[in-house]
Amino acid sequence: MIQIVLENCHFVICDKPAGVLSTPSRMGAEDERNCLGIALQKQLGVQIFPVHRLDFEVSGLVMYAKNPEAHRKANAWFENKTVSKTYRALTTAQDFSHIPENVKNSREKFTVSEGQKFEWKSRILRGKRRAFESPEGKDSLTLAQFLGINDKGYLQWDLQPVTGRSHQLRFDLSRHGFPIVGDALYGSKQPWTGKDSIALRAFKIDFSKAPNAADFQLPAIVQIQEV
C-alpha cells in the first residue's frame, strides 16, 4: 500500500518503503522489482514527474510533481539548494576492518560525543555498483551530527547531503568507519530488518527557504518518524 504523506494539486510526497524503486530502472520491464513511481501514477491516474530519488534499500520521503510547472519549480529548488533533506542513520561503533588495505583511507580514529557536528568533504566517483573517492570524482559535502547511542546500542546520526551524489551518505559514513547497519555493500557486518533494507531513512524535507513554496501549497517542513 502506498503511504501518501502530503498531496495537493501540484505535488505528492510519499513514504517509500525499503526494497522498492523510486523510479523505473534502466533495465525497464526486465527489472521485476516494485517501483513506487509506477504504482503511484496508476493509483492517481495522472502522469507524475520525479523530483528526487532514494536508493532501493533506503526508506522515507520521496517527492513527485503532478504537472510540468511544479516539476520545473521543484527542480530549481533542489538545484539551488534552497530545499534540504535530513536522513537518520544507525551505525555500529567505528571500525575500519571493512576497508581493504590497498584502498587509500586516513583510517582516522576519533571519539564522538552527543551533539557533535561534522562537515565531510570528498570527491565521489560512482562505479558500477558503489561509490569511490577519486580525484576525478565530483565534489561532495555532507553535514553530519552524532545524536548518541540508542537503546539497541546503535550510533544515531542525522545527515544532510548538501550535494546530491549517488550513495553519498552511505559512502561518507563507511569511509569514516561507520557503515550503516545492514549496508553490506559498504562494509556493514550487522544485518538490518529486511533483505533489501538498510538503517537509513529520509525523514524530513525543509521547504522554509524555497522561494514561493507556499504558492504550491507546501508547508515549511514535512516530517515523518525516523528510522
C-alpha atoms as a PDB file:
ATOM      1  CA  MET A   1       0.000   0.000   0.000  1.00  0.00           C
ATOM      2  CA  ILE A   2       1.282   3.469  -0.938  1.00  0.00           C
ATOM      3  CA  GLN A   3       1.720   5.736   2.087  1.00  0.00           C
ATOM      4  CA  ILE A   4       0.957   9.281   0.947  1.00  0.00           C
ATOM      5  CA  VAL A   5       2.223  11.865   3.442  1.00  0.00           C
ATOM      6  CA  LEU A   6       1.124  15.008   1.550  1.00  0.00           C
ATOM      7  CA  GLU A   7      -0.838  15.585  -1.636  1.00  0.00           C
ATOM      8  CA  ASN A   8      -2.181  18.685  -3.379  1.00  0.00           C
ATOM      9  CA  CYS A   9      -2.769  19.700  -6.989  1.00  0.00           C
ATOM     10  CA  HIS A  10       0.973  20.309  -7.511  1.00  0.00           C
ATOM     11  CA  PHE A  11       2.867  17.627  -5.593  1.00  0.00           C
ATOM     12  CA  VAL A  12       2.580  14.299  -3.851  1.00  0.00           C
ATOM     13  CA  ILE A  13       5.050  13.192  -1.181  1.00  0.00           C
ATOM     14  CA  CYS A  14       5.175   9.528  -0.193  1.00  0.00           C
ATOM     15  CA  ASP A  15       6.854   7.432   2.479  1.00  0.00           C
ATOM     16  CA  LYS A  16       8.770   4.940   0.328  1.00  0.00           C
ATOM     17  CA  PRO A  17       9.466   1.588   1.967  1.00  0.00           C
ATOM     18  CA  ALA A  18      12.888  -0.010   1.625  1.00  0.00           C
ATOM     19  CA  GLY A  19      13.140  -2.605  -1.120  1.00  0.00           C
ATOM     20  CA  VAL A  20      11.175  -0.523  -3.629  1.00  0.00           C
ATOM     21  CA  LEU A  21      12.470   1.586  -6.533  1.00  0.00           C
ATOM     22  CA  SER A  22      11.659   5.313  -6.601  1.00  0.00           C
ATOM     23  CA  THR A  23      11.606   5.394 -10.407  1.00  0.00           C
ATOM     24  CA  PRO A  24      11.916   2.712 -13.105  1.00  0.00           C
ATOM     25  CA  SER A  25      15.408   1.297 -13.523  1.00  0.00           C
ATOM     26  CA  ARG A  26      17.412   1.473 -16.714  1.00  0.00           C
ATOM     27  CA  MET A  27      16.515  -2.163 -17.372  1.00  0.00           C
ATOM     28  CA  GLY A  28      12.876  -1.192 -17.861  1.00  0.00           C
ATOM     29  CA  ALA A  29      10.414  -4.096 -17.848  1.00  0.00           C
ATOM     30  CA  GLU A  30      13.287  -6.565 -17.394  1.00  0.00           C
ATOM     31  CA  ASP A  31      13.650  -5.303 -13.820  1.00  0.00           C
ATOM     32  CA  GLU A  32      10.922  -7.057 -11.831  1.00  0.00           C
ATOM     33  CA  ARG A  33      11.371  -5.021  -8.664  1.00  0.00           C
ATOM     34  CA  ASN A  34       8.395  -2.982  -7.486  1.00  0.00           C
ATOM     35  CA  CYS A  35       8.515   0.716  -8.394  1.00  0.00           C
ATOM     36  CA  LEU A  36       6.781   3.347  -6.284  1.00  0.00           C
ATOM     37  CA  GLY A  37       6.592   5.875  -9.124  1.00  0.00           C
ATOM     38  CA  ILE A  38       4.782   3.467 -11.446  1.00  0.00           C
ATOM     39  CA  ALA A  39       2.364   2.304  -8.753  1.00  0.00           C
ATOM     40  CA  LEU A  40       1.643   5.881  -7.675  1.00  0.00           C
ATOM     41  CA  GLN A  41       0.967   7.027 -11.241  1.00  0.00           C
ATOM     42  CA  LYS A  42      -1.518   4.189 -11.707  1.00  0.00           C
ATOM     43  CA  GLN A  43      -3.228   4.981  -8.421  1.00  0.00           C
ATOM     44  CA  LEU A  44      -3.549   8.717  -9.125  1.00  0.00           C
ATOM     45  CA  GLY A  45      -4.452   8.287 -12.781  1.00  0.00           C
ATOM     46  CA  VAL A  46      -2.229  11.199 -13.833  1.00  0.00           C
ATOM     47  CA  GLN A  47       1.327  11.500 -15.081  1.00  0.00           C
ATOM     48  CA  ILE A  48       3.813  12.281 -12.327  1.00  0.00           C
ATOM     49  CA  PHE A  49       7.371  13.597 -12.513  1.00  0.00           C
ATOM     50  CA  PRO A  50      10.103  12.522 -10.054  1.00  0.00           C
ATOM     51  CA  VAL A  51      11.737  15.417  -8.226  1.00  0.00           C
ATOM     52  CA  HIS A  52      14.386  13.332  -6.443  1.00  0.00           C
ATOM     53  CA  ARG A  53      15.085   9.684  -5.689  1.00  0.00           C
ATOM     54  CA  LEU A  54      16.040   7.334  -2.889  1.00  0.00           C
ATOM     55  CA  ASP A  55      18.193   4.242  -3.206  1.00  0.00           C
ATOM     56  CA  PHE A  56      16.346   0.928  -3.464  1.00  0.00           C
ATOM     57  CA  GLU A  57      17.441  -0.055   0.076  1.00  0.00           C
ATOM     58  CA  VAL A  58      16.569   3.318   1.682  1.00  0.00           C
ATOM     59  CA  SER A  59      13.163   4.296   3.083  1.00  0.00           C
ATOM     60  CA  GLY A  60      11.482   7.642   3.582  1.00  0.00           C
ATOM     61  CA  LEU A  61      10.190  10.761   1.906  1.00  0.00           C
ATOM     62  CA  VAL A  62      10.090  10.915  -1.882  1.00  0.00           C
ATOM     63  CA  MET A  63       8.557  13.815  -3.809  1.00  0.00           C
ATOM     64  CA  TYR A  64       6.832  13.750  -7.202  1.00  0.00           C
ATOM     65  CA  ALA A  65       5.376  16.662  -9.169  1.00  0.00           C
ATOM     66  CA  LYS A  66       1.908  16.373 -10.707  1.00  0.00           C
ATOM     67  CA  ASN A  67       2.449  18.869 -13.541  1.00  0.00           C
ATOM     68  CA  PRO A  68       5.394  20.248 -15.571  1.00  0.00           C
ATOM     69  CA  GLU A  69       5.314  23.685 -13.910  1.00  0.00           C
ATOM     70  CA  ALA A  70       5.617  22.211 -10.422  1.00  0.00           C
ATOM     71  CA  HIS A  71       8.356  19.905 -11.687  1.00  0.00           C
ATOM     72  CA  ARG A  72      10.403  22.815 -13.045  1.00  0.00           C
ATOM     73  CA  LYS A  73       9.975  24.777  -9.840  1.00  0.00           C
ATOM     74  CA  ALA A  74      10.955  21.895  -7.581  1.00  0.00           C
ATOM     75  CA  ASN A  75      13.981  21.071  -9.721  1.00  0.00           C
ATOM     76  CA  ALA A  76      15.132  24.686  -9.336  1.00  0.00           C
ATOM     77  CA  TRP A  77      14.727  24.491  -5.553  1.00  0.00           C
ATOM     78  CA  PHE A  78      16.883  21.395  -5.321  1.00  0.00           C
ATOM     79  CA  GLU A  79      19.483  22.615  -7.830  1.00  0.00           C
ATOM     80  CA  ASN A  80      19.818  25.906  -5.940  1.00  0.00           C
ATOM     81  CA  LYS A  81      19.926  24.075  -2.594  1.00  0.00           C
ATOM     82  CA  THR A  82      17.001  26.013  -1.140  1.00  0.00           C
ATOM     83  CA  VAL A  83      15.381  22.723  -0.101  1.00  0.00           C
ATOM     84  CA  SER A  84      17.173  20.490   2.401  1.00  0.00           C
ATOM     85  CA  LYS A  85      16.624  16.824   3.221  1.00  0.00           C
ATOM     86  CA  THR A  86      17.543  15.193   6.522  1.00  0.00           C
ATOM     87  CA  TYR A  87      18.206  11.491   6.958  1.00  0.00           C
ATOM     88  CA  ARG A  88      18.512   9.380  10.089  1.00  0.00           C
ATOM     89  CA  ALA A  89      21.119   6.617  10.033  1.00  0.00           C
ATOM     90  CA  LEU A  90      22.075   3.913  12.503  1.00  0.00           C
ATOM     91  CA  THR A  91      25.635   2.567  12.576  1.00  0.00           C
ATOM     92  CA  THR A  92      27.852   0.408  14.715  1.00  0.00           C
ATOM     93  CA  ALA A  93      30.935   1.717  16.521  1.00  0.00           C
ATOM     94  CA  GLN A  94      33.878   2.956  14.477  1.00  0.00           C
ATOM     95  CA  ASP A  95      35.762   0.169  12.719  1.00  0.00           C
ATOM     96  CA  PHE A  96      37.874   0.234   9.564  1.00  0.00           C
ATOM     97  CA  SER A  97      38.227  -3.532   9.072  1.00  0.00           C
ATOM     98  CA  HIS A  98      35.821  -3.433   6.099  1.00  0.00           C
ATOM     99  CA  ILE A  99      38.217  -1.229   4.108  1.00  0.00           C
ATOM    100  CA  PRO A 100      40.837  -3.255   2.178  1.00  0.00           C
ATOM    101  CA  GLU A 101      44.439  -2.435   2.965  1.00  0.00           C
ATOM    102  CA  ASN A 102      45.116  -1.353  -0.624  1.00  0.00           C
ATOM    103  CA  VAL A 103      42.333   1.265  -0.506  1.00  0.00           C
ATOM    104  CA  LYS A 104      43.540   4.734   0.392  1.00  0.00           C
ATOM    105  CA  ASN A 105      41.864   5.943   3.586  1.00  0.00           C
ATOM    106  CA  SER A 106      43.108   8.006   6.513  1.00  0.00           C
ATOM    107  CA  ARG A 107      41.572   5.492   8.973  1.00  0.00           C
ATOM    108  CA  GLU A 108      41.464   8.330  11.491  1.00  0.00           C
ATOM    109  CA  LYS A 109      40.059   7.139  14.779  1.00  0.00           C
ATOM    110  CA  PHE A 110      38.129   9.671  16.804  1.00  0.00           C
ATOM    111  CA  THR A 111      35.696   9.767  19.698  1.00  0.00           C
ATOM    112  CA  VAL A 112      32.217  11.110  19.017  1.00  0.00           C
ATOM    113  CA  SER A 113      30.175  12.955  21.615  1.00  0.00           C
ATOM    114  CA  GLU A 114      26.454  13.615  21.636  1.00  0.00           C
ATOM    115  CA  GLY A 115      25.557  16.664  19.556  1.00  0.00           C
ATOM    116  CA  GLN A 116      28.917  16.784  17.766  1.00  0.00           C
ATOM    117  CA  LYS A 117      28.731  18.097  14.194  1.00  0.00           C
ATOM    118  CA  PHE A 118      30.899  17.302  11.193  1.00  0.00           C
ATOM    119  CA  GLU A 119      31.397  18.589   7.656  1.00  0.00           C
ATOM    120  CA  TRP A 120      32.564  15.763   5.427  1.00  0.00           C
ATOM    121  CA  LYS A 121      34.047  16.727   2.064  1.00  0.00           C
ATOM    122  CA  SER A 122      35.264  14.399  -0.645  1.00  0.00           C
ATOM    123  CA  ARG A 123      35.277  13.790  -4.384  1.00  0.00           C
ATOM    124  CA  ILE A 124      32.959  10.928  -5.237  1.00  0.00           C
ATOM    125  CA  LEU A 125      33.079   8.799  -8.337  1.00  0.00           C
ATOM    126  CA  ARG A 126      30.259   6.296  -8.914  1.00  0.00           C
ATOM    127  CA  GLY A 127      31.286   2.871 -10.207  1.00  0.00           C
ATOM    128  CA  LYS A 128      29.003   0.120 -11.493  1.00  0.00           C
ATOM    129  CA  ARG A 129      27.794  -0.859  -8.032  1.00  0.00           C
ATOM    130  CA  ARG A 130      29.154   1.609  -5.495  1.00  0.00           C
ATOM    131  CA  ALA A 131      30.819   4.972  -4.965  1.00  0.00           C
ATOM    132  CA  PHE A 132      34.533   5.620  -4.532  1.00  0.00           C
ATOM    133  CA  GLU A 133      36.740   8.546  -3.612  1.00  0.00           C
ATOM    134  CA  SER A 134      38.705   9.722  -6.644  1.00  0.00           C
ATOM    135  CA  PRO A 135      40.433  12.888  -7.915  1.00  0.00           C
ATOM    136  CA  GLU A 136      38.230  12.506 -10.997  1.00  0.00           C
ATOM    137  CA  GLY A 137      35.076  12.441  -8.848  1.00  0.00           C
ATOM    138  CA  LYS A 138      32.559  15.204  -8.165  1.00  0.00           C
ATOM    139  CA  ASP A 139      32.757  17.455  -5.109  1.00  0.00           C
ATOM    140  CA  SER A 140      30.649  16.151  -2.240  1.00  0.00           C
ATOM    141  CA  LEU A 141      29.612  17.741   1.054  1.00  0.00           C
ATOM    142  CA  THR A 142      27.701  16.070   3.866  1.00  0.00           C
ATOM    143  CA  LEU A 143      26.644  17.725   7.133  1.00  0.00           C
ATOM    144  CA  ALA A 144      26.519  15.123   9.889  1.00  0.00           C
ATOM    145  CA  GLN A 145      25.515  15.271  13.533  1.00  0.00           C
ATOM    146  CA  PHE A 146      26.041  12.497  16.056  1.00  0.00           C
ATOM    147  CA  LEU A 147      22.945  12.136  18.240  1.00  0.00           C
ATOM    148  CA  GLY A 148      24.098   9.493  20.698  1.00  0.00           C
ATOM    149  CA  ILE A 149      23.508   5.770  21.201  1.00  0.00           C
ATOM    150  CA  ASN A 150      20.020   4.262  21.138  1.00  0.00           C
ATOM    151  CA  ASP A 151      18.640   1.526  23.387  1.00  0.00           C
ATOM    152  CA  LYS A 152      19.860  -1.177  20.982  1.00  0.00           C
ATOM    153  CA  GLY A 153      23.425   0.068  21.098  1.00  0.00           C
ATOM    154  CA  TYR A 154      23.451   1.626  17.633  1.00  0.00           C
ATOM    155  CA  LEU A 155      25.001   5.018  16.974  1.00  0.00           C
ATOM    156  CA  GLN A 156      22.433   7.541  15.699  1.00  0.00           C
ATOM    157  CA  TRP A 157      23.244  10.171  13.072  1.00  0.00           C
ATOM    158  CA  ASP A 158      21.356  12.957  11.359  1.00  0.00           C
ATOM    159  CA  LEU A 159      22.713  13.617   7.875  1.00  0.00           C
ATOM    160  CA  GLN A 160      22.108  16.382   5.339  1.00  0.00           C
ATOM    161  CA  PRO A 161      23.531  15.909   1.842  1.00  0.00           C
ATOM    162  CA  VAL A 162      24.396  19.410   0.640  1.00  0.00           C
ATOM    163  CA  THR A 163      25.370  17.846  -2.669  1.00  0.00           C
ATOM    164  CA  GLY A 164      23.325  15.052  -4.163  1.00  0.00           C
ATOM    165  CA  ARG A 165      25.894  12.462  -5.189  1.00  0.00           C
ATOM    166  CA  SER A 166      24.875   8.860  -5.667  1.00  0.00           C
ATOM    167  CA  HIS A 167      25.374   6.813  -2.459  1.00  0.00           C
ATOM    168  CA  GLN A 168      26.856   9.906  -0.816  1.00  0.00           C
ATOM    169  CA  LEU A 169      25.669   9.283   2.745  1.00  0.00           C
ATOM    170  CA  ARG A 170      26.388   5.568   2.639  1.00  0.00           C
ATOM    171  CA  PHE A 171      29.905   6.201   1.362  1.00  0.00           C
ATOM    172  CA  ASP A 172      30.677   9.027   3.803  1.00  0.00           C
ATOM    173  CA  LEU A 173      29.733   7.041   6.896  1.00  0.00           C
ATOM    174  CA  SER A 174      31.571   3.969   5.628  1.00  0.00           C
ATOM    175  CA  ARG A 175      34.824   5.795   4.856  1.00  0.00           C
ATOM    176  CA  HIS A 176      34.838   7.270   8.366  1.00  0.00           C
ATOM    177  CA  GLY A 177      34.481   3.790   9.870  1.00  0.00           C
ATOM    178  CA  PHE A 178      30.727   3.833  10.490  1.00  0.00           C
ATOM    179  CA  PRO A 179      28.990   1.707   7.825  1.00  0.00           C
ATOM    180  CA  ILE A 180      25.209   1.888   8.045  1.00  0.00           C
ATOM    181  CA  VAL A 181      23.614  -1.132   9.702  1.00  0.00           C
ATOM    182  CA  GLY A 182      22.586  -3.636   7.034  1.00  0.00           C
ATOM    183  CA  ASP A 183      24.607  -1.955   4.287  1.00  0.00           C
ATOM    184  CA  ALA A 184      26.849  -4.869   3.319  1.00  0.00           C
ATOM    185  CA  LEU A 185      27.845  -3.100   0.091  1.00  0.00           C
ATOM    186  CA  TYR A 186      29.678  -0.502   2.195  1.00  0.00           C
ATOM    187  CA  GLY A 187      31.060  -2.859   4.806  1.00  0.00           C
ATOM    188  CA  SER A 188      28.367  -3.455   7.421  1.00  0.00           C
ATOM    189  CA  LYS A 189      28.635  -6.791   9.181  1.00  0.00           C
ATOM    190  CA  GLN A 190      25.396  -6.238  11.096  1.00  0.00           C
ATOM    191  CA  PRO A 191      22.095  -7.305   9.479  1.00  0.00           C
ATOM    192  CA  TRP A 192      19.097  -4.973   9.451  1.00  0.00           C
ATOM    193  CA  THR A 193      15.366  -5.736   9.419  1.00  0.00           C
ATOM    194  CA  GLY A 194      14.957  -6.985   5.858  1.00  0.00           C
ATOM    195  CA  LYS A 195      16.885  -8.423   2.934  1.00  0.00           C
ATOM    196  CA  ASP A 196      16.696  -5.224   0.848  1.00  0.00           C
ATOM    197  CA  SER A 197      16.785  -2.727   3.700  1.00  0.00           C
ATOM    198  CA  ILE A 198      19.431  -0.625   5.434  1.00  0.00           C
ATOM    199  CA  ALA A 199      19.139   1.607   8.500  1.00  0.00           C
ATOM    200  CA  LEU A 200      18.902   4.860   6.551  1.00  0.00           C
ATOM    201  CA  ARG A 201      15.685   6.856   6.337  1.00  0.00           C
ATOM    202  CA  ALA A 202      14.837  10.229   4.759  1.00  0.00           C
ATOM    203  CA  PHE A 203      12.568  11.639   7.441  1.00  0.00           C
ATOM    204  CA  LYS A 204      12.436  15.408   6.844  1.00  0.00           C
ATOM    205  CA  ILE A 205      12.202  17.825   3.907  1.00  0.00           C
ATOM    206  CA  ASP A 206      12.576  21.524   4.712  1.00  0.00           C
ATOM    207  CA  PHE A 207      10.893  23.940   2.291  1.00  0.00           C
ATOM    208  CA  SER A 208      11.208  27.005   4.545  1.00  0.00           C
ATOM    209  CA  LYS A 209      13.857  28.636   2.298  1.00  0.00           C
ATOM    210  CA  ALA A 210      12.354  27.574  -1.038  1.00  0.00           C
ATOM    211  CA  PRO A 211      11.029  30.619  -2.951  1.00  0.00           C
ATOM    212  CA  ASN A 212       7.254  30.547  -3.467  1.00  0.00           C
ATOM    213  CA  ALA A 213       6.863  27.132  -1.838  1.00  0.00           C
ATOM    214  CA  ALA A 214       3.697  28.369  -0.144  1.00  0.00           C
ATOM    215  CA  ASP A 215       2.251  29.216  -3.562  1.00  0.00           C
ATOM    216  CA  PHE A 216       2.469  25.495  -4.308  1.00  0.00           C
ATOM    217  CA  GLN A 217       0.642  24.675  -1.046  1.00  0.00           C
ATOM    218  CA  LEU A 218       3.719  23.258   0.647  1.00  0.00           C
ATOM    219  CA  PRO A 219       4.330  23.611   4.396  1.00  0.00           C
ATOM    220  CA  ALA A 220       7.653  24.780   5.781  1.00  0.00           C
ATOM    221  CA  ILE A 221       8.573  21.251   6.853  1.00  0.00           C
ATOM    222  CA  VAL A 222       7.327  17.765   6.015  1.00  0.00           C
ATOM    223  CA  GLN A 223       8.446  15.220   8.591  1.00  0.00           C
ATOM    224  CA  ILE A 224       7.786  11.578   9.416  1.00  0.00           C
ATOM    225  CA  GLN A 225       9.049   9.138  12.023  1.00  0.00           C
ATOM    226  CA  GLU A 226      12.770   8.437  11.969  1.00  0.00           C
ATOM    227  CA  VAL A 227      14.309   5.007  11.490  1.00  0.00           C
END
